[in-house]
Protein backbone atom coordinates (compact mmCIF):
# COMPACT_ATOMS: atom_id res chain seq x y z
CA MET A 1 -0.02 -0.09 0.03
CA THR A 2 1.09 3.52 -0.72
CA ASN A 3 0.56 6.50 1.54
CA GLU A 4 -0.97 8.87 -0.98
CA LEU A 5 -2.61 12.20 -0.30
CA THR A 6 -6.25 11.64 -0.91
CA THR A 7 -7.65 15.36 -0.67
CA ASP A 8 -7.96 17.75 -3.47
CA GLU A 9 -6.67 20.61 -1.44
CA SER A 10 -3.61 22.38 -2.80
CA PRO A 11 -0.87 23.78 -0.38
CA ALA A 12 -1.61 27.19 0.96
CA LEU A 13 -0.20 30.06 -1.10
CA THR A 14 2.42 32.30 0.32
CA HIS A 15 3.50 35.91 -0.49
CA ALA A 16 6.24 34.39 -2.64
CA ASP A 17 3.41 33.13 -4.87
CA CYS A 18 1.84 36.53 -5.25
CA LEU A 19 1.96 37.61 -9.00
CA ASN A 20 3.29 41.13 -7.86
CA HIS A 21 5.54 39.70 -5.03
CA ASP A 22 7.59 42.42 -3.35
CA ASP A 23 8.25 43.70 0.16
CA ASP A 24 4.71 45.19 0.45
CA CYS A 25 2.68 42.05 0.18
CA LEU A 26 -0.13 42.15 2.73
CA GLY A 27 -2.87 39.78 3.60
CA GLN A 28 -3.76 36.33 2.45
CA VAL A 29 -2.61 35.22 -1.10
CA ASP A 30 -5.40 33.72 -3.18
CA TYR A 31 -6.53 33.32 -6.88
CA TYR A 32 -8.42 36.22 -8.34
CA PRO A 33 -10.03 36.58 -11.61
CA THR A 34 -8.80 39.13 -14.24
CA HIS A 35 -10.42 42.61 -14.12
CA PRO A 36 -12.18 44.66 -15.65
CA THR A 37 -12.82 41.79 -18.24
CA VAL A 38 -13.09 38.19 -16.90
CA ARG A 39 -11.18 36.06 -19.33
CA PHE A 40 -11.64 32.44 -19.99
CA ARG A 41 -9.37 29.62 -21.41
CA SER A 42 -10.56 27.66 -24.46
CA ASN A 43 -11.69 24.80 -22.22
CA GLY A 44 -13.96 27.29 -20.34
CA THR A 45 -12.11 27.59 -17.16
CA MET A 46 -11.59 31.05 -15.79
CA ILE A 47 -8.18 32.60 -15.89
CA GLN A 48 -7.08 33.54 -12.37
CA PHE A 49 -3.88 34.77 -10.83
CA PRO A 50 -2.46 34.52 -7.34
CA ARG A 51 -2.29 37.82 -5.57
CA CYS A 52 -2.16 39.01 -2.01
CA GLU A 53 -5.14 41.10 -0.75
CA HIS A 54 -3.11 44.32 -0.97
CA HIS A 55 -1.91 43.78 -4.60
CA HIS A 56 -5.40 42.61 -5.64
CA GLU A 57 -7.02 45.70 -4.25
CA LEU A 58 -4.44 47.83 -6.38
CA TYR A 59 -5.13 45.79 -9.40
CA TYR A 60 -8.83 46.08 -8.96
CA LEU A 61 -8.67 49.88 -8.56
CA ARG A 62 -6.53 50.17 -11.73
CA GLY A 63 -9.25 48.11 -13.56
CA GLU A 64 -12.02 50.57 -12.12
CA GLN A 65 -9.89 53.57 -13.32
CA GLU A 66 -9.69 51.94 -16.89
CA ILE A 67 -13.45 51.55 -16.86
CA GLU A 68 -13.91 55.25 -15.99
CA ARG A 69 -11.47 56.28 -18.56
CA GLU A 70 -13.30 54.38 -21.21
CA ARG A 71 -16.70 55.88 -20.08
CA ARG A 72 -15.32 59.34 -20.36
CA TYR A 73 -13.90 58.66 -23.81
CA GLN A 74 -17.15 57.19 -25.00
CA ALA A 75 -19.07 60.20 -23.61
CA SER A 76 -16.59 62.55 -25.52
CA LEU A 77 -17.74 61.07 -28.91
CA TYR A 78 -21.08 62.89 -28.54
CA CYS A 79 -21.87 66.60 -28.25
CA LYS A 80 -24.21 67.90 -25.49
CA HIS A 81 -27.27 67.31 -27.73
CA GLY A 82 -26.43 63.58 -28.22
CA THR A 83 -25.05 63.76 -31.88
CA PHE A 84 -21.95 61.64 -32.70
CA ILE A 85 -19.14 64.06 -33.36
CA GLY A 86 -16.39 61.60 -33.93
CA ASP A 87 -13.07 60.96 -32.17
CA ALA A 88 -9.51 62.09 -32.54
CA TYR A 89 -8.88 59.33 -35.35
CA GLY A 90 -12.01 59.98 -37.37
CA ALA A 91 -14.05 62.82 -39.07
CA ASP A 92 -15.10 65.68 -36.77
CA TYR A 93 -18.72 66.44 -37.03
CA LEU A 94 -20.69 69.51 -35.65
CA CYS A 95 -24.22 69.18 -35.00
CA GLY A 96 -26.44 71.95 -36.41
CA ARG A 97 -27.56 73.19 -32.94
CA CYS A 98 -23.91 73.19 -31.61
CA GLU A 99 -22.87 75.16 -34.74
CA SER A 100 -25.60 77.87 -34.38
CA GLU A 101 -24.72 78.46 -30.66
């Protein structure tokens, strides 16, 4: 008989396992999904990376800033009347109401 480990539990993660490992790792290390867009492998499993609580919070805040930056950009494509006016790489349009003001 062999003495095999029969549980599915993996060993506990340490700060050395943190993706952003450095001297300011704080909190428990765990696997977290990508943010702001959750990504999946071709087999359907979620892509996750080990991060400590501190680095995960910083990563999450950067994702939220990216979402806000994209929201502001999308809003800049329209004038105050709701007409599409283009972006820096396309044609610039001026709606009739903005032109007459």
